[in-house]
């Protein structure tokens, strides 16, 4: 219970969307993109708008190759009838990306494997990629960046991260429902805090405002994707 200015008790109204927006904005890095990169590297997921964003960047002149990485994750194993990377690659081909410019890594099941398995694929194909634009969901930009910087074997590789261009109130849809997105965003924040000590990511600063927003959301029940 909270007390209003007249001294009367009143119910405190908690709007999860306000705290969700704080997390959503924190997870995005708003990095500038340079067309002079070797490849666009799309980390696949349940959100096919990420594939569209990656394909559009390729069409706009970013990169010489378009890489899709993703097997079957927890959120897609019952949604797609084939690996995420294949689903995303098919979207890119339908958008006019030449098939010979697309590389597919379809075994990874998490972000670290996206990074490591794609590196192995490029080594196998003897492709020397020195710079990437990483494309991910908006609320996974920061963790993708932190994971790549820790787990990509060549520290000289240059990267920028981007995602479909949606504000928080525009992002959720039927395929990416609001409560699911909030749960994942909360879980990713906890991973950003905990994973550096496990050797999975480089550290990222978490402002108090962001951490407190996540704790309020957890108390509201947004805890289904905690590590």
Protein backbone atom coordinates (compact mmCIF):
# COMPACT_ATOMS: atom_id res chain seq x y z
CA UNK A 1 0.00 0.00 0.00
CA UNK A 2 1.07 3.58 -0.68
CA UNK A 3 -0.06 6.82 0.91
CA UNK A 4 -1.26 9.70 -1.26
CA UNK A 5 -0.74 13.42 -0.56
CA UNK A 6 -3.96 13.61 1.46
CA UNK A 7 -2.73 10.99 3.88
CA UNK A 8 -5.05 8.26 2.63
CA UNK A 9 -3.83 4.81 1.78
CA UNK A 10 -4.12 4.01 -1.90
CA UNK A 11 -3.19 1.05 -4.05
CA UNK A 12 0.14 1.47 -5.77
CA UNK A 13 -0.33 0.97 -9.49
CA UNK A 14 2.67 -0.70 -11.03
CA UNK A 15 2.99 -0.54 -14.79
CA UNK A 16 5.32 -3.25 -16.00
CA UNK A 17 5.65 -1.49 -19.34
CA UNK A 18 7.58 1.40 -17.80
CA UNK A 19 10.20 -0.90 -16.32
CA UNK A 20 10.21 -3.08 -19.44
CA UNK A 21 11.00 -0.02 -21.53
CA UNK A 22 13.94 0.81 -19.26
CA UNK A 23 15.36 -2.67 -19.87
CA UNK A 24 14.55 -2.64 -23.58
CA UNK A 25 16.38 0.65 -24.05
CA UNK A 26 19.37 -0.48 -21.97
CA UNK A 27 19.81 -3.62 -24.05
CA UNK A 28 20.19 -1.57 -27.24
CA UNK A 29 23.56 -0.04 -28.08
CA UNK A 30 22.62 2.34 -30.93
CA UNK A 31 25.96 1.78 -32.66
CA UNK A 32 26.81 3.51 -35.93
CA UNK A 33 27.08 1.22 -38.96
CA UNK A 34 29.85 1.30 -41.56
CA UNK A 35 29.13 -0.04 -45.04
CA UNK A 36 32.78 -1.04 -45.40
CA UNK A 37 32.37 -4.31 -43.52
CA UNK A 38 33.07 -7.84 -44.70
CA UNK A 39 29.82 -9.48 -43.64
CA UNK A 40 26.44 -9.13 -41.98
CA UNK A 41 26.14 -11.78 -39.25
CA UNK A 42 22.56 -12.51 -38.20
CA UNK A 43 21.96 -14.38 -34.96
CA UNK A 44 18.69 -16.21 -35.48
CA UNK A 45 15.76 -16.57 -33.10
CA UNK A 46 11.98 -16.62 -32.98
CA UNK A 47 11.73 -13.10 -34.45
CA UNK A 48 11.88 -13.27 -38.25
CA UNK A 49 12.00 -9.48 -38.44
CA UNK A 50 15.67 -9.89 -37.55
CA UNK A 51 16.15 -11.79 -40.82
CA UNK A 52 14.42 -8.98 -42.71
CA UNK A 53 16.66 -6.38 -41.07
CA UNK A 54 19.79 -8.36 -41.97
CA UNK A 55 18.68 -8.89 -45.58
CA UNK A 56 17.84 -5.22 -45.98
CA UNK A 57 21.26 -4.21 -44.70
CA UNK A 58 22.86 -6.51 -47.27
CA UNK A 59 20.70 -4.99 -50.00
CA UNK A 60 21.74 -1.53 -48.81
CA UNK A 61 25.38 -2.36 -49.46
CA UNK A 62 26.58 -3.59 -46.08
CA UNK A 63 28.94 -6.53 -46.37
CA UNK A 64 29.89 -9.05 -49.03
CA UNK A 65 28.31 -12.02 -47.26
CA UNK A 66 25.18 -12.59 -45.20
CA UNK A 67 25.61 -15.17 -42.43
CA UNK A 68 22.74 -16.81 -40.56
CA UNK A 69 23.50 -18.73 -37.38
CA UNK A 70 21.00 -20.74 -35.35
CA UNK A 71 19.76 -24.27 -34.85
CA UNK A 72 16.78 -25.05 -32.65
CA UNK A 73 16.54 -23.05 -29.45
CA UNK A 74 14.10 -23.41 -26.56
CA UNK A 75 11.74 -20.86 -28.10
CA UNK A 76 11.83 -22.17 -31.67
CA UNK A 77 12.04 -25.94 -31.45
CA UNK A 78 8.24 -26.16 -31.54
CA UNK A 79 7.73 -23.13 -33.78
CA UNK A 80 9.86 -23.92 -36.84
CA UNK A 81 10.09 -27.25 -38.66
CA UNK A 82 13.71 -26.61 -39.61
CA UNK A 83 16.73 -24.87 -38.06
CA UNK A 84 16.36 -21.15 -37.42
CA UNK A 85 19.20 -20.33 -39.81
CA UNK A 86 17.47 -22.11 -42.67
CA UNK A 87 14.19 -20.29 -41.97
CA UNK A 88 16.01 -16.95 -41.92
CA UNK A 89 18.04 -17.73 -45.05
CA UNK A 90 14.84 -18.54 -46.94
CA UNK A 91 13.44 -15.15 -45.95
CA UNK A 92 16.59 -13.47 -47.27
CA UNK A 93 16.38 -15.34 -50.58
CA UNK A 94 12.74 -14.31 -50.94
CA UNK A 95 13.90 -10.73 -50.41
CA UNK A 96 16.31 -11.11 -53.32
CA UNK A 97 19.62 -11.88 -51.61
CA UNK A 98 21.65 -14.18 -53.91
CA UNK A 99 21.91 -17.66 -52.42
CA UNK A 100 25.64 -17.78 -53.16
CA UNK A 101 26.17 -14.81 -50.83
CA UNK A 102 24.49 -16.58 -47.89
CA UNK A 103 26.28 -18.76 -45.33
CA UNK A 104 24.26 -20.94 -42.96
CA UNK A 105 25.37 -22.30 -39.57
CA UNK A 106 22.49 -24.45 -38.30
CA UNK A 107 23.79 -26.30 -35.23
CA UNK A 108 24.11 -23.62 -32.55
CA UNK A 109 21.64 -23.46 -29.67
CA UNK A 110 22.80 -20.35 -27.78
CA UNK A 111 24.64 -17.09 -28.33
CA UNK A 112 28.06 -18.45 -27.43
CA UNK A 113 27.63 -21.27 -29.92
CA UNK A 114 26.45 -18.77 -32.56
CA UNK A 115 29.82 -17.08 -32.19
CA UNK A 116 32.07 -20.13 -31.92
CA UNK A 117 30.33 -22.27 -34.55
CA UNK A 118 30.28 -19.43 -37.06
CA UNK A 119 33.99 -18.87 -36.54
CA UNK A 120 34.57 -22.57 -37.23
CA UNK A 121 32.41 -22.40 -40.36
CA UNK A 122 34.42 -19.49 -41.73
CA UNK A 123 37.67 -21.31 -40.98
CA UNK A 124 36.37 -24.37 -42.80
CA UNK A 125 35.50 -22.27 -45.84
CA UNK A 126 38.80 -20.37 -45.64
CA UNK A 127 37.01 -17.05 -45.48
CA UNK A 128 38.89 -14.28 -43.69
CA UNK A 129 36.26 -11.96 -42.24
CA UNK A 130 37.71 -9.02 -40.35
CA UNK A 131 34.57 -6.99 -39.69
CA UNK A 132 30.90 -7.69 -39.06
CA UNK A 133 27.58 -6.07 -38.46
CA UNK A 134 25.83 -8.32 -35.96
CA UNK A 135 22.04 -8.37 -36.26
CA UNK A 136 19.96 -9.48 -33.30
CA UNK A 137 16.68 -8.78 -31.51
CA UNK A 138 16.63 -5.28 -29.97
CA UNK A 139 16.65 -6.57 -26.42
CA UNK A 140 19.64 -8.84 -27.09
CA UNK A 141 22.04 -6.36 -28.69
CA UNK A 142 24.14 -5.78 -25.58
CA UNK A 143 24.55 -9.43 -24.62
CA UNK A 144 25.38 -10.32 -28.22
CA UNK A 145 28.11 -7.67 -28.25
CA UNK A 146 29.51 -8.80 -24.89
CA UNK A 147 29.47 -12.46 -25.93
CA UNK A 148 31.17 -11.83 -29.29
CA UNK A 149 33.92 -9.73 -27.70
CA UNK A 150 34.67 -12.54 -25.25
CA UNK A 151 34.30 -15.63 -27.42
CA UNK A 152 35.37 -14.64 -30.95
CA UNK A 153 38.95 -15.94 -31.19
CA UNK A 154 40.39 -12.95 -33.10
CA UNK A 155 40.31 -9.84 -30.88
CA UNK A 156 41.19 -7.58 -33.82
CA UNK A 157 37.84 -8.28 -35.56
CA UNK A 158 35.71 -5.14 -35.77
CA UNK A 159 32.00 -5.32 -34.95
CA UNK A 160 28.90 -3.21 -34.65
CA UNK A 161 25.51 -4.44 -33.47
CA UNK A 162 22.04 -3.51 -34.71
CA UNK A 163 18.49 -4.84 -34.69
CA UNK A 164 15.03 -4.19 -36.16
CA UNK A 165 14.25 -0.53 -35.58
CA UNK A 166 11.34 -0.52 -33.15
CA UNK A 167 10.59 1.49 -30.03
CA UNK A 168 9.38 -0.54 -27.05
CA UNK A 169 5.69 0.12 -27.66
CA UNK A 170 6.07 -0.93 -31.31
CA UNK A 171 8.02 -4.13 -30.80
CA UNK A 172 5.71 -6.81 -29.32
CA UNK A 173 3.45 -8.61 -31.80
CA UNK A 174 1.62 -11.94 -32.08
CA UNK A 175 4.85 -13.86 -32.65
CA UNK A 176 6.75 -11.93 -29.97
CA UNK A 177 4.17 -11.32 -27.23
CA UNK A 178 4.80 -8.64 -24.64
CA UNK A 179 5.11 -10.88 -21.58
CA UNK A 180 7.51 -13.25 -23.34
CA UNK A 181 9.70 -10.34 -24.44
CA UNK A 182 9.77 -8.93 -20.90
CA UNK A 183 10.69 -12.32 -19.45
CA UNK A 184 13.57 -12.71 -21.90
CA UNK A 185 14.78 -9.13 -21.38
CA UNK A 186 14.86 -9.68 -17.61
CA UNK A 187 16.71 -12.98 -18.00
CA UNK A 188 19.25 -11.40 -20.32
CA UNK A 189 19.98 -8.65 -17.83
CA UNK A 190 20.75 -11.24 -15.16
CA UNK A 191 23.02 -13.03 -17.64
CA UNK A 192 24.82 -9.76 -18.41
CA UNK A 193 25.59 -9.48 -14.70
CA UNK A 194 26.47 -13.12 -14.02
CA UNK A 195 28.09 -14.41 -17.21
CA UNK A 196 31.37 -12.46 -17.12
CA UNK A 197 32.44 -14.41 -14.02
CA UNK A 198 31.71 -17.63 -15.91
CA UNK A 199 33.89 -16.57 -18.84
CA UNK A 200 30.98 -16.22 -21.27
CA UNK A 201 30.98 -12.43 -21.82
CA UNK A 202 32.93 -9.27 -21.20
CA UNK A 203 31.56 -7.13 -18.35
CA UNK A 204 28.94 -4.45 -19.01
CA UNK A 205 28.00 -1.62 -16.66
CA UNK A 206 24.44 -1.91 -15.34
CA UNK A 207 23.05 1.39 -14.01
CA UNK A 208 21.13 1.19 -10.73
CA UNK A 209 17.95 2.33 -12.46
CA UNK A 210 18.11 -0.61 -14.84
CA UNK A 211 18.87 -3.19 -12.16
CA UNK A 212 16.06 -1.90 -9.94
CA UNK A 213 13.62 -2.04 -12.86
CA UNK A 214 14.53 -5.68 -13.41
CA UNK A 215 14.04 -6.51 -9.74
CA UNK A 216 10.57 -4.96 -9.78
CA UNK A 217 9.68 -7.00 -12.85
CA UNK A 218 10.90 -10.19 -11.17
CA UNK A 219 8.69 -9.42 -8.18
CA UNK A 220 5.78 -9.05 -10.59
CA UNK A 221 6.44 -12.58 -11.84
CA UNK A 222 8.64 -12.02 -14.89
CA UNK A 223 11.04 -14.81 -13.94
CA UNK A 224 10.52 -17.60 -16.46
CA UNK A 225 13.78 -17.02 -18.35
CA UNK A 226 16.20 -16.49 -15.48
CA UNK A 227 19.48 -18.42 -15.76
